[in-house]
Amino acid sequence: MNDPLDPLTRQFVAHFGEMGSRWGINRTVGQIYALLFLSSKPLNADDIAQKLEFSRSNVSMGLKELQSWRLVQLKHQPGDRREYFQAPEDIWEIFRVLAEERRRREIEPTISMLRAALLEEPSSDEARHAQQRMQQMYELVDRLVSWYDEVQHLKPETVMQLMAMGSKVTRLLTLKDKLTGAGGKSARAAKTPLQHDGDAVNASPAAKE
């Protein structure tokens, strides 16, 4: 018989279950992952079902989902034919895998769709305006992906140093904008490369009056 969860672990597990739906996974999967993340040793499906009071079938489906995300590792115990599971020890590896999977499942399809849409010839002013908005989105997402590609090759220690420098970098960029005159209307206008000066759809309300 497994020991019941201590109050601190139970609170953490319950919170991950509640947050699961916001992250695109169901409550059961979130709770299973939270339990494995905190566990000091690998657990088998029976252990998990008993600790969380889930059915064995729900645990099996949850583990398969976590394996598809590469968020759990399969382990074997000497003399035991059952499969054991654990979360990666390295918290940075967990973050990297999760970010990479979300990129593959969510970001890359969006980039492909935007690229195809931007190759289309707009048939009206409304379509041209829509394409300009998609261009803005594409540039932002593409820049974020490029930034991620650079960061994922850095050592965790280097990433921590960059994060610690966050406020200093922000102040430096703000000062640069003031000195160069960036920011404000001119900077915003530069972010719409497809915009045409004569497009009525992009005129401000004041200009229309």
N, C-alpha and C. Protein backbone atom coordinates (compact mmCIF):
# COMPACT_ATOMS: atom_id res chain seq x y z
N MET A 1 0.85 -1.20 0.00
CA MET A 1 0.00 0.00 0.00
C MET A 1 0.88 1.25 0.00
N ASN A 2 0.67 2.16 -0.92
CA ASN A 2 1.44 3.38 -0.99
C ASN A 2 0.99 4.37 0.08
N ASP A 3 1.94 5.18 0.52
CA ASP A 3 1.60 6.21 1.49
C ASP A 3 0.76 7.28 0.80
N PRO A 4 -0.20 7.88 1.53
CA PRO A 4 -1.00 8.95 0.93
C PRO A 4 -0.13 10.17 0.67
N LEU A 5 -0.59 11.03 -0.22
CA LEU A 5 0.17 12.24 -0.53
C LEU A 5 0.16 13.19 0.66
N ASP A 6 1.30 13.81 0.91
CA ASP A 6 1.34 14.82 1.96
C ASP A 6 0.61 16.07 1.47
N PRO A 7 0.16 16.93 2.39
CA PRO A 7 -0.65 18.09 2.00
C PRO A 7 0.03 19.00 0.97
N LEU A 8 1.34 19.20 1.10
CA LEU A 8 2.05 20.08 0.18
C LEU A 8 2.04 19.51 -1.24
N THR A 9 2.31 18.21 -1.36
CA THR A 9 2.29 17.56 -2.67
C THR A 9 0.89 17.56 -3.25
N ARG A 10 -0.10 17.28 -2.41
CA ARG A 10 -1.48 17.25 -2.89
C ARG A 10 -1.91 18.62 -3.43
N GLN A 11 -1.49 19.68 -2.75
CA GLN A 11 -1.83 21.04 -3.21
C GLN A 11 -1.19 21.32 -4.57
N PHE A 12 0.07 20.93 -4.73
CA PHE A 12 0.78 21.15 -6.00
C PHE A 12 0.13 20.35 -7.12
N VAL A 13 -0.20 19.10 -6.84
CA VAL A 13 -0.82 18.23 -7.84
C VAL A 13 -2.18 18.78 -8.26
N ALA A 14 -2.97 19.22 -7.28
CA ALA A 14 -4.29 19.76 -7.58
C ALA A 14 -4.19 21.02 -8.45
N HIS A 15 -3.22 21.87 -8.15
CA HIS A 15 -3.04 23.10 -8.94
C HIS A 15 -2.68 22.78 -10.38
N PHE A 16 -1.78 21.82 -10.59
CA PHE A 16 -1.40 21.45 -11.95
C PHE A 16 -2.59 20.87 -12.71
N GLY A 17 -3.46 20.17 -12.01
CA GLY A 17 -4.66 19.66 -12.66
C GLY A 17 -5.56 20.78 -13.13
N GLU A 18 -5.71 21.82 -12.29
CA GLU A 18 -6.55 22.96 -12.66
C GLU A 18 -5.94 23.74 -13.82
N MET A 19 -4.62 23.84 -13.83
CA MET A 19 -3.94 24.60 -14.88
C MET A 19 -3.85 23.83 -16.19
N GLY A 20 -4.00 22.52 -16.12
CA GLY A 20 -3.83 21.68 -17.30
C GLY A 20 -4.67 22.10 -18.49
N SER A 21 -5.95 22.39 -18.23
CA SER A 21 -6.84 22.75 -19.34
C SER A 21 -6.40 24.05 -20.01
N ARG A 22 -5.77 24.94 -19.27
CA ARG A 22 -5.30 26.20 -19.85
C ARG A 22 -4.06 25.98 -20.70
N TRP A 23 -3.37 24.89 -20.46
CA TRP A 23 -2.16 24.57 -21.23
C TRP A 23 -2.43 23.60 -22.35
N GLY A 24 -3.69 23.22 -22.53
CA GLY A 24 -4.03 22.31 -23.62
C GLY A 24 -3.97 20.84 -23.26
N ILE A 25 -3.90 20.52 -21.97
CA ILE A 25 -3.94 19.12 -21.54
C ILE A 25 -5.07 18.97 -20.52
N ASN A 26 -5.53 17.74 -20.32
CA ASN A 26 -6.63 17.57 -19.37
C ASN A 26 -6.13 17.48 -17.93
N ARG A 27 -7.07 17.51 -17.01
CA ARG A 27 -6.74 17.55 -15.58
C ARG A 27 -5.92 16.33 -15.16
N THR A 28 -6.31 15.16 -15.64
CA THR A 28 -5.62 13.93 -15.25
C THR A 28 -4.15 13.97 -15.65
N VAL A 29 -3.87 14.37 -16.88
CA VAL A 29 -2.49 14.44 -17.37
C VAL A 29 -1.68 15.43 -16.54
N GLY A 30 -2.27 16.58 -16.22
CA GLY A 30 -1.58 17.57 -15.42
C GLY A 30 -1.22 17.06 -14.04
N GLN A 31 -2.13 16.33 -13.42
CA GLN A 31 -1.88 15.81 -12.08
C GLN A 31 -0.84 14.70 -12.10
N ILE A 32 -0.90 13.84 -13.11
CA ILE A 32 0.11 12.78 -13.22
C ILE A 32 1.50 13.38 -13.37
N TYR A 33 1.61 14.39 -14.22
CA TYR A 33 2.92 15.00 -14.42
C TYR A 33 3.41 15.67 -13.14
N ALA A 34 2.53 16.36 -12.44
CA ALA A 34 2.92 17.02 -11.20
C ALA A 34 3.43 16.01 -10.18
N LEU A 35 2.77 14.86 -10.09
CA LEU A 35 3.21 13.82 -9.15
C LEU A 35 4.59 13.30 -9.52
N LEU A 36 4.81 13.02 -10.80
CA LEU A 36 6.11 12.52 -11.25
C LEU A 36 7.21 13.57 -11.08
N PHE A 37 6.86 14.82 -11.28
CA PHE A 37 7.83 15.91 -11.14
C PHE A 37 8.35 16.00 -9.71
N LEU A 38 7.47 15.79 -8.73
CA LEU A 38 7.87 15.90 -7.33
C LEU A 38 8.42 14.61 -6.75
N SER A 39 8.15 13.50 -7.39
CA SER A 39 8.53 12.20 -6.83
C SER A 39 10.06 12.04 -6.77
N SER A 40 10.54 11.49 -5.68
CA SER A 40 11.98 11.26 -5.51
C SER A 40 12.45 9.98 -6.19
N LYS A 41 11.51 9.20 -6.72
CA LYS A 41 11.86 7.95 -7.39
C LYS A 41 10.87 7.69 -8.52
N PRO A 42 11.24 6.87 -9.51
CA PRO A 42 10.31 6.53 -10.59
C PRO A 42 9.09 5.80 -10.04
N LEU A 43 7.94 6.01 -10.67
CA LEU A 43 6.69 5.37 -10.26
C LEU A 43 6.12 4.57 -11.41
N ASN A 44 5.46 3.45 -11.09
CA ASN A 44 4.77 2.70 -12.14
C ASN A 44 3.31 3.13 -12.18
N ALA A 45 2.57 2.63 -13.15
CA ALA A 45 1.18 3.05 -13.33
C ALA A 45 0.32 2.72 -12.13
N ASP A 46 0.58 1.57 -11.49
CA ASP A 46 -0.19 1.20 -10.30
C ASP A 46 0.07 2.17 -9.15
N ASP A 47 1.34 2.56 -8.97
CA ASP A 47 1.67 3.54 -7.93
C ASP A 47 0.91 4.84 -8.15
N ILE A 48 0.92 5.30 -9.40
CA ILE A 48 0.27 6.58 -9.73
C ILE A 48 -1.23 6.49 -9.50
N ALA A 49 -1.84 5.40 -9.97
CA ALA A 49 -3.28 5.22 -9.82
C ALA A 49 -3.68 5.21 -8.35
N GLN A 50 -2.86 4.58 -7.53
CA GLN A 50 -3.17 4.48 -6.11
C GLN A 50 -3.00 5.81 -5.40
N LYS A 51 -1.92 6.51 -5.70
CA LYS A 51 -1.65 7.79 -5.03
C LYS A 51 -2.67 8.86 -5.42
N LEU A 52 -3.07 8.87 -6.69
CA LEU A 52 -3.99 9.91 -7.17
C LEU A 52 -5.44 9.46 -7.16
N GLU A 53 -5.66 8.18 -6.84
CA GLU A 53 -7.01 7.60 -6.82
C GLU A 53 -7.67 7.71 -8.19
N PHE A 54 -6.89 7.41 -9.22
CA PHE A 54 -7.37 7.36 -10.60
C PHE A 54 -7.53 5.91 -11.02
N SER A 55 -8.32 5.70 -12.07
CA SER A 55 -8.41 4.36 -12.64
C SER A 55 -7.12 4.04 -13.39
N ARG A 56 -6.83 2.76 -13.47
CA ARG A 56 -5.60 2.33 -14.15
C ARG A 56 -5.63 2.74 -15.63
N SER A 57 -6.80 2.69 -16.26
CA SER A 57 -6.89 3.04 -17.68
C SER A 57 -6.63 4.53 -17.90
N ASN A 58 -7.13 5.38 -16.99
CA ASN A 58 -6.89 6.82 -17.11
C ASN A 58 -5.41 7.14 -16.94
N VAL A 59 -4.76 6.43 -16.03
CA VAL A 59 -3.32 6.65 -15.82
C VAL A 59 -2.55 6.24 -17.07
N SER A 60 -2.91 5.11 -17.65
CA SER A 60 -2.21 4.64 -18.86
C SER A 60 -2.35 5.65 -20.00
N MET A 61 -3.55 6.18 -20.19
CA MET A 61 -3.75 7.18 -21.25
C MET A 61 -2.98 8.46 -20.96
N GLY A 62 -2.96 8.85 -19.68
CA GLY A 62 -2.23 10.05 -19.30
C GLY A 62 -0.73 9.90 -19.52
N LEU A 63 -0.20 8.73 -19.21
CA LEU A 63 1.23 8.49 -19.42
C LEU A 63 1.58 8.49 -20.90
N LYS A 64 0.70 7.94 -21.73
CA LYS A 64 0.94 7.96 -23.18
C LYS A 64 0.97 9.39 -23.70
N GLU A 65 0.08 10.22 -23.18
CA GLU A 65 0.05 11.63 -23.59
C GLU A 65 1.35 12.33 -23.19
N LEU A 66 1.81 12.08 -21.97
CA LEU A 66 3.05 12.70 -21.50
C LEU A 66 4.26 12.19 -22.28
N GLN A 67 4.23 10.92 -22.67
CA GLN A 67 5.31 10.39 -23.50
C GLN A 67 5.33 11.05 -24.88
N SER A 68 4.14 11.34 -25.42
CA SER A 68 4.09 11.99 -26.73
C SER A 68 4.67 13.40 -26.66
N TRP A 69 4.59 14.01 -25.48
CA TRP A 69 5.18 15.33 -25.27
C TRP A 69 6.64 15.24 -24.86
N ARG A 70 7.13 14.03 -24.65
CA ARG A 70 8.51 13.78 -24.19
C ARG A 70 8.78 14.40 -22.83
N LEU A 71 7.74 14.42 -21.99
CA LEU A 71 7.86 15.02 -20.67
C LEU A 71 8.08 13.99 -19.57
N VAL A 72 8.05 12.71 -19.90
CA VAL A 72 8.37 11.66 -18.94
C VAL A 72 9.36 10.69 -19.57
N GLN A 73 10.15 10.06 -18.73
CA GLN A 73 11.14 9.10 -19.19
C GLN A 73 10.79 7.72 -18.67
N LEU A 74 10.95 6.73 -19.52
CA LEU A 74 10.65 5.34 -19.16
C LEU A 74 11.85 4.72 -18.47
N LYS A 75 11.60 4.07 -17.33
CA LYS A 75 12.67 3.42 -16.56
C LYS A 75 12.28 1.97 -16.28
N HIS A 76 13.30 1.14 -16.05
CA HIS A 76 13.08 -0.26 -15.68
C HIS A 76 13.82 -0.56 -14.39
N GLN A 77 13.17 -1.35 -13.54
CA GLN A 77 13.76 -1.75 -12.27
C GLN A 77 14.23 -3.20 -12.37
N PRO A 78 15.41 -3.51 -11.82
CA PRO A 78 15.91 -4.89 -11.86
C PRO A 78 14.92 -5.87 -11.23
N GLY A 79 14.62 -6.95 -11.93
CA GLY A 79 13.72 -7.97 -11.42
C GLY A 79 12.25 -7.60 -11.46
N ASP A 80 11.90 -6.48 -12.08
CA ASP A 80 10.51 -6.03 -12.15
C ASP A 80 10.17 -5.77 -13.62
N ARG A 81 9.17 -6.45 -14.12
CA ARG A 81 8.82 -6.31 -15.54
C ARG A 81 7.94 -5.09 -15.81
N ARG A 82 7.47 -4.46 -14.76
CA ARG A 82 6.61 -3.29 -14.95
C ARG A 82 7.42 -2.08 -15.42
N GLU A 83 6.73 -1.18 -16.11
CA GLU A 83 7.37 0.05 -16.59
C GLU A 83 7.24 1.14 -15.53
N TYR A 84 8.34 1.83 -15.31
CA TYR A 84 8.36 2.94 -14.35
C TYR A 84 8.60 4.24 -15.11
N PHE A 85 8.11 5.33 -14.53
CA PHE A 85 8.19 6.62 -15.21
C PHE A 85 8.71 7.68 -14.24
N GLN A 86 9.44 8.62 -14.81
CA GLN A 86 9.88 9.77 -14.02
C GLN A 86 9.99 10.99 -14.92
N ALA A 87 9.89 12.16 -14.31
CA ALA A 87 10.09 13.41 -15.04
C ALA A 87 11.59 13.67 -15.14
N PRO A 88 12.05 14.33 -16.19
CA PRO A 88 13.48 14.65 -16.29
C PRO A 88 13.95 15.43 -15.06
N GLU A 89 15.16 15.16 -14.62
CA GLU A 89 15.70 15.82 -13.44
C GLU A 89 16.00 17.29 -13.71
N ASP A 90 16.52 17.57 -14.89
CA ASP A 90 16.95 18.92 -15.23
C ASP A 90 15.75 19.79 -15.59
N ILE A 91 15.49 20.82 -14.79
CA ILE A 91 14.34 21.69 -15.01
C ILE A 91 14.47 22.43 -16.33
N TRP A 92 15.70 22.74 -16.75
CA TRP A 92 15.90 23.41 -18.03
C TRP A 92 15.57 22.49 -19.20
N GLU A 93 15.87 21.20 -19.03
CA GLU A 93 15.53 20.24 -20.07
C GLU A 93 14.02 20.12 -20.22
N ILE A 94 13.30 20.16 -19.10
CA ILE A 94 11.84 20.12 -19.14
C ILE A 94 11.31 21.33 -19.91
N PHE A 95 11.83 22.50 -19.58
CA PHE A 95 11.39 23.72 -20.26
C PHE A 95 11.71 23.65 -21.75
N ARG A 96 12.91 23.18 -22.09
CA ARG A 96 13.32 23.12 -23.49
C ARG A 96 12.42 22.18 -24.28
N VAL A 97 12.15 20.99 -23.72
CA VAL A 97 11.32 20.01 -24.42
C VAL A 97 9.90 20.54 -24.59
N LEU A 98 9.35 21.14 -23.53
CA LEU A 98 8.00 21.67 -23.60
C LEU A 98 7.90 22.78 -24.64
N ALA A 99 8.89 23.67 -24.65
CA ALA A 99 8.89 24.77 -25.63
C ALA A 99 9.01 24.23 -27.05
N GLU A 100 9.86 23.23 -27.25
CA GLU A 100 10.06 22.67 -28.58
C GLU A 100 8.80 21.97 -29.08
N GLU A 101 8.12 21.24 -28.19
CA GLU A 101 6.90 20.55 -28.59
C GLU A 101 5.79 21.55 -28.92
N ARG A 102 5.68 22.59 -28.13
CA ARG A 102 4.65 23.60 -28.40
C ARG A 102 4.95 24.33 -29.71
N ARG A 103 6.22 24.54 -29.97
CA ARG A 103 6.59 25.15 -31.25
C ARG A 103 6.19 24.25 -32.41
N ARG A 104 6.49 22.96 -32.30
CA ARG A 104 6.19 22.02 -33.38
C ARG A 104 4.68 21.89 -33.60
N ARG A 105 3.91 21.87 -32.53
CA ARG A 105 2.48 21.61 -32.62
C ARG A 105 1.67 22.86 -32.93
N GLU A 106 2.15 24.04 -32.48
CA GLU A 106 1.33 25.24 -32.55
C GLU A 106 1.94 26.36 -33.41
N ILE A 107 3.23 26.62 -33.20
CA ILE A 107 3.85 27.77 -33.86
C ILE A 107 4.14 27.50 -35.33
N GLU A 108 4.76 26.35 -35.63
CA GLU A 108 5.15 26.07 -37.01
C GLU A 108 3.95 26.01 -37.97
N PRO A 109 2.82 25.39 -37.59
CA PRO A 109 1.65 25.45 -38.49
C PRO A 109 1.17 26.87 -38.74
N THR A 110 1.25 27.72 -37.71
CA THR A 110 0.84 29.12 -37.87
C THR A 110 1.76 29.86 -38.83
N ILE A 111 3.06 29.63 -38.69
CA ILE A 111 4.02 30.27 -39.60
C ILE A 111 3.78 29.83 -41.04
N SER A 112 3.53 28.54 -41.24
CA SER A 112 3.27 28.03 -42.60
C SER A 112 2.03 28.67 -43.20
N MET A 113 0.97 28.80 -42.39
CA MET A 113 -0.26 29.41 -42.87
C MET A 113 -0.03 30.87 -43.25
N LEU A 114 0.69 31.61 -42.39
CA LEU A 114 0.94 33.02 -42.66
C LEU A 114 1.79 33.21 -43.91
N ARG A 115 2.80 32.38 -44.08
CA ARG A 115 3.64 32.49 -45.28
C ARG A 115 2.81 32.30 -46.54
N ALA A 116 1.95 31.30 -46.52
CA ALA A 116 1.11 31.04 -47.70
C ALA A 116 0.16 32.21 -47.95
N ALA A 117 -0.41 32.76 -46.88
CA ALA A 117 -1.35 33.88 -47.03
C ALA A 117 -0.66 35.12 -47.58
N LEU A 118 0.59 35.34 -47.18
CA LEU A 118 1.31 36.53 -47.63
C LEU A 118 1.75 36.43 -49.08
N LEU A 119 1.73 35.24 -49.65
CA LEU A 119 2.07 35.07 -51.06
C LEU A 119 0.87 35.32 -51.98
N GLU A 120 -0.32 35.38 -51.38
CA GLU A 120 -1.53 35.62 -52.16
C GLU A 120 -1.60 37.09 -52.60
N GLU A 121 -2.19 37.32 -53.75
CA GLU A 121 -2.40 38.69 -54.24
C GLU A 121 -3.73 39.20 -53.70
N PRO A 122 -3.73 40.27 -52.87
CA PRO A 122 -4.99 40.77 -52.31
C PRO A 122 -5.92 41.27 -53.40
N SER A 123 -7.19 40.95 -53.28
CA SER A 123 -8.17 41.30 -54.31
C SER A 123 -8.97 42.56 -53.98
N SER A 124 -8.76 43.13 -52.79
CA SER A 124 -9.52 44.32 -52.41
C SER A 124 -8.74 45.07 -51.33
N ASP A 125 -9.21 46.28 -51.01
CA ASP A 125 -8.58 47.05 -49.94
C ASP A 125 -8.70 46.31 -48.61
N GLU A 126 -9.85 45.69 -48.39
CA GLU A 126 -10.05 44.94 -47.15
C GLU A 126 -9.08 43.77 -47.05
N ALA A 127 -8.89 43.06 -48.16
CA ALA A 127 -7.95 41.94 -48.18
C ALA A 127 -6.52 42.43 -47.98
N ARG A 128 -6.21 43.60 -48.56
CA ARG A 128 -4.87 44.16 -48.40
C ARG A 128 -4.61 44.52 -46.94
N HIS A 129 -5.62 45.10 -46.30
CA HIS A 129 -5.48 45.44 -44.88
C HIS A 129 -5.28 44.17 -44.05
N ALA A 130 -6.05 43.13 -44.35
CA ALA A 130 -5.92 41.87 -43.62
C ALA A 130 -4.52 41.28 -43.81
N GLN A 131 -4.00 41.39 -45.02
CA GLN A 131 -2.67 40.86 -45.30
C GLN A 131 -1.59 41.64 -44.55
N GLN A 132 -1.79 42.95 -44.43
CA GLN A 132 -0.84 43.76 -43.66
C GLN A 132 -0.81 43.33 -42.20
N ARG A 133 -1.99 43.03 -41.65
CA ARG A 133 -2.05 42.57 -40.25
C ARG A 133 -1.37 41.22 -40.11
N MET A 134 -1.56 40.35 -41.08
CA MET A 134 -0.90 39.05 -41.05
C MET A 134 0.61 39.20 -41.18
N GLN A 135 1.05 40.18 -41.97
CA GLN A 135 2.48 40.45 -42.11
C GLN A 135 3.08 40.84 -40.76
N GLN A 136 2.37 41.68 -40.02
CA GLN A 136 2.84 42.09 -38.70
C GLN A 136 2.96 40.89 -37.77
N MET A 137 1.94 40.05 -37.79
CA MET A 137 1.97 38.86 -36.95
C MET A 137 3.11 37.93 -37.34
N TYR A 138 3.29 37.74 -38.64
CA TYR A 138 4.36 36.86 -39.12
C TYR A 138 5.73 37.36 -38.67
N GLU A 139 5.97 38.66 -38.79
CA GLU A 139 7.27 39.21 -38.41
C GLU A 139 7.54 39.02 -36.92
N LEU A 140 6.50 39.21 -36.10
CA LEU A 140 6.67 39.03 -34.66
C LEU A 140 6.96 37.57 -34.32
N VAL A 141 6.14 36.66 -34.84
CA VAL A 141 6.33 35.24 -34.55
C VAL A 141 7.67 34.75 -35.06
N ASP A 142 8.04 35.18 -36.27
CA ASP A 142 9.31 34.76 -36.85
C ASP A 142 10.49 35.26 -36.02
N ARG A 143 10.37 36.46 -35.50
CA ARG A 143 11.44 37.00 -34.67
C ARG A 143 11.53 36.24 -33.35
N LEU A 144 10.39 35.91 -32.76
CA LEU A 144 10.39 35.13 -31.52
C LEU A 144 11.01 33.75 -31.73
N VAL A 145 10.69 33.12 -32.85
CA VAL A 145 11.25 31.80 -33.15
C VAL A 145 12.76 31.90 -33.34
N SER A 146 13.22 32.94 -34.01
CA SER A 146 14.66 33.13 -34.20
C SER A 146 15.35 33.34 -32.87
N TRP A 147 14.71 34.12 -31.99
CA TRP A 147 15.26 34.34 -30.65
C TRP A 147 15.33 33.03 -29.89
N TYR A 148 14.28 32.23 -29.97
CA TYR A 148 14.26 30.94 -29.28
C TYR A 148 15.36 30.03 -29.80
N ASP A 149 15.58 30.01 -31.11
CA ASP A 149 16.63 29.17 -31.69
C ASP A 149 18.00 29.54 -31.13
N GLU A 150 18.21 30.83 -30.90
CA GLU A 150 19.48 31.27 -30.34
C GLU A 150 19.59 30.87 -28.87
N VAL A 151 18.53 31.07 -28.12
CA VAL A 151 18.56 30.82 -26.68
C VAL A 151 18.72 29.35 -26.35
N GLN A 152 18.07 28.47 -27.11
CA GLN A 152 18.10 27.05 -26.76
C GLN A 152 19.49 26.44 -26.87
N HIS A 153 20.40 27.11 -27.57
CA HIS A 153 21.77 26.61 -27.69
C HIS A 153 22.69 27.15 -26.59
N LEU A 154 22.16 28.03 -25.77
CA LEU A 154 22.96 28.59 -24.69
C LEU A 154 22.95 27.67 -23.47
N LYS A 155 23.97 27.78 -22.67
CA LYS A 155 24.02 27.04 -21.42
C LYS A 155 23.01 27.65 -20.44
N PRO A 156 22.43 26.83 -19.55
CA PRO A 156 21.47 27.37 -18.57
C PRO A 156 22.04 28.54 -17.78
N GLU A 157 23.33 28.47 -17.44
CA GLU A 157 23.94 29.55 -16.67
C GLU A 157 23.91 30.87 -17.45
N THR A 158 24.14 30.77 -18.75
CA THR A 158 24.11 31.97 -19.60
C THR A 158 22.70 32.54 -19.69
N VAL A 159 21.71 31.66 -19.81
CA VAL A 159 20.32 32.11 -19.87
C VAL A 159 19.94 32.83 -18.58
N MET A 160 20.37 32.29 -17.44
CA MET A 160 20.08 32.92 -16.16
C MET A 160 20.71 34.31 -16.08
N GLN A 161 21.92 34.44 -16.62
CA GLN A 161 22.57 35.75 -16.63
C GLN A 161 21.80 36.74 -17.50
N LEU A 162 21.31 36.27 -18.65
CA LEU A 162 20.52 37.14 -19.52
C LEU A 162 19.23 37.57 -18.84
N MET A 163 18.59 36.64 -18.14
CA MET A 163 17.35 36.97 -17.44
C MET A 163 17.62 37.99 -16.34
N ALA A 164 18.75 37.84 -15.64
CA ALA A 164 19.09 38.78 -14.57
C ALA A 164 19.37 40.17 -15.11
N MET A 165 19.79 40.24 -16.37
CA MET A 165 20.08 41.53 -17.00
C MET A 165 18.84 42.18 -17.61
N GLY A 166 17.69 41.55 -17.48
CA GLY A 166 16.48 42.01 -18.15
C GLY A 166 16.17 43.48 -17.97
N SER A 167 16.10 43.96 -16.72
CA SER A 167 15.74 45.35 -16.47
C SER A 167 16.80 46.31 -17.01
N LYS A 168 18.08 45.91 -16.94
CA LYS A 168 19.15 46.77 -17.45
C LYS A 168 19.05 46.90 -18.96
N VAL A 169 18.76 45.79 -19.64
CA VAL A 169 18.62 45.82 -21.09
C VAL A 169 17.45 46.69 -21.50
N THR A 170 16.34 46.59 -20.75
CA THR A 170 15.16 47.40 -21.06
C THR A 170 15.46 48.89 -20.95
N ARG A 171 16.16 49.27 -19.88
CA ARG A 171 16.52 50.68 -19.71
C ARG A 171 17.45 51.15 -20.83
N LEU A 172 18.38 50.28 -21.23
CA LEU A 172 19.31 50.63 -22.30
C LEU A 172 18.58 50.84 -23.62
N LEU A 173 17.63 49.94 -23.94
CA LEU A 173 16.88 50.08 -25.18
C LEU A 173 15.98 51.31 -25.16
N THR A 174 15.41 51.62 -23.99
CA THR A 174 14.58 52.82 -23.87
C THR A 174 15.40 54.07 -24.11
N LEU A 175 16.61 54.10 -23.55
CA LEU A 175 17.50 55.24 -23.75
C LEU A 175 17.88 55.36 -25.22
N LYS A 176 18.15 54.23 -25.87
CA LYS A 176 18.51 54.25 -27.29
C LYS A 176 17.37 54.83 -28.12
N ASP A 177 16.13 54.43 -27.81
CA ASP A 177 14.98 54.94 -28.55
C ASP A 177 14.85 56.45 -28.40
N LYS A 178 15.11 56.94 -27.19
CA LYS A 178 15.01 58.38 -26.96
C LYS A 178 16.09 59.13 -27.74
N LEU A 179 17.28 58.57 -27.78
CA LEU A 179 18.39 59.23 -28.46
C LEU A 179 18.23 59.21 -29.98
N THR A 180 17.66 58.12 -30.49
CA THR A 180 17.52 57.98 -31.94
C THR A 180 16.18 58.44 -32.46
N GLY A 181 15.25 58.77 -31.52
CA GLY A 181 13.93 59.20 -31.94
C GLY A 181 13.02 58.06 -32.31
N ALA A 182 13.42 56.81 -31.99
CA ALA A 182 12.57 55.66 -32.27
C ALA A 182 11.45 55.61 -31.25
N GLY A 183 10.49 54.69 -31.47
CA GLY A 183 9.30 54.64 -30.62
C GLY A 183 8.30 55.62 -31.15
N GLY A 184 7.13 55.71 -30.61
CA GLY A 184 6.14 56.65 -31.10
C GLY A 184 5.62 56.28 -32.46
N LYS A 185 5.13 57.31 -33.19
CA LYS A 185 4.43 57.05 -34.45
C LYS A 185 5.37 56.52 -35.53
N SER A 186 6.59 57.07 -35.62
CA SER A 186 7.48 56.64 -36.69
C SER A 186 7.86 55.19 -36.54
N ALA A 187 8.09 54.72 -35.30
CA ALA A 187 8.45 53.32 -35.09
C ALA A 187 7.29 52.41 -35.40
N ARG A 188 6.08 52.84 -35.03
CA ARG A 188 4.91 52.01 -35.31
C ARG A 188 4.68 51.90 -36.81
N ALA A 189 4.89 52.98 -37.52
CA ALA A 189 4.68 52.94 -38.96
C ALA A 189 5.67 52.01 -39.63
N ALA A 190 6.88 51.90 -39.09
CA ALA A 190 7.90 51.06 -39.70
C ALA A 190 7.58 49.59 -39.58
N LYS A 191 6.63 49.23 -38.72
CA LYS A 191 6.31 47.84 -38.49
C LYS A 191 5.28 47.31 -39.48
N THR A 192 4.84 48.14 -40.43
CA THR A 192 3.84 47.70 -41.40
C THR A 192 4.42 47.81 -42.80
N PRO A 193 5.32 46.88 -43.19
CA PRO A 193 6.01 46.98 -44.47
C PRO A 193 5.11 46.88 -45.67
N LEU A 194 3.93 46.29 -45.53
CA LEU A 194 3.04 46.15 -46.67
C LEU A 194 2.11 47.35 -46.83
N GLN A 195 2.17 48.28 -45.88
CA GLN A 195 1.23 49.40 -45.88
C GLN A 195 1.51 50.35 -47.04
N HIS A 196 0.47 50.81 -47.70
CA HIS A 196 0.58 51.78 -48.79
C HIS A 196 0.09 53.13 -48.29
N ASP A 197 0.79 54.20 -48.66
CA ASP A 197 0.47 55.53 -48.14
C ASP A 197 -0.95 55.94 -48.45
N GLY A 198 -1.49 55.48 -49.57
CA GLY A 198 -2.80 55.96 -49.97
C GLY A 198 -3.94 55.07 -49.55
N ASP A 199 -3.68 54.03 -48.76
CA ASP A 199 -4.74 53.09 -48.40
C ASP A 199 -5.73 53.77 -47.47
N ALA A 200 -6.98 53.85 -47.92
CA ALA A 200 -8.00 54.47 -47.08
C ALA A 200 -8.28 53.63 -45.86
N VAL A 201 -8.10 52.30 -45.97
CA VAL A 201 -8.42 51.44 -44.83
C VAL A 201 -7.48 51.66 -43.68
N ASN A 202 -6.31 52.27 -43.92
CA ASN A 202 -5.34 52.47 -42.86
C ASN A 202 -5.34 53.90 -42.35
N ALA A 203 -6.22 54.74 -42.87
CA ALA A 203 -6.27 56.13 -42.42
C ALA A 203 -6.84 56.19 -41.03
N SER A 204 -6.32 57.12 -40.23
CA SER A 204 -6.82 57.27 -38.87
C SER A 204 -8.18 57.94 -38.90
N PRO A 205 -9.00 57.80 -37.81
CA PRO A 205 -10.31 58.46 -37.77
C PRO A 205 -10.18 59.97 -37.95
N ALA A 206 -9.12 60.55 -37.37
CA ALA A 206 -8.95 62.00 -37.47
C ALA A 206 -8.69 62.41 -38.91
N ALA A 207 -7.91 61.60 -39.63
CA ALA A 207 -7.59 61.93 -41.02
C ALA A 207 -8.83 61.84 -41.89
N LYS A 208 -9.70 60.88 -41.58
CA LYS A 208 -10.91 60.72 -42.38
C LYS A 208 -11.85 61.90 -42.22
N GLU A 209 -11.83 62.51 -41.03
CA GLU A 209 -12.70 63.65 -40.79
C GLU A 209 -12.16 64.88 -41.50
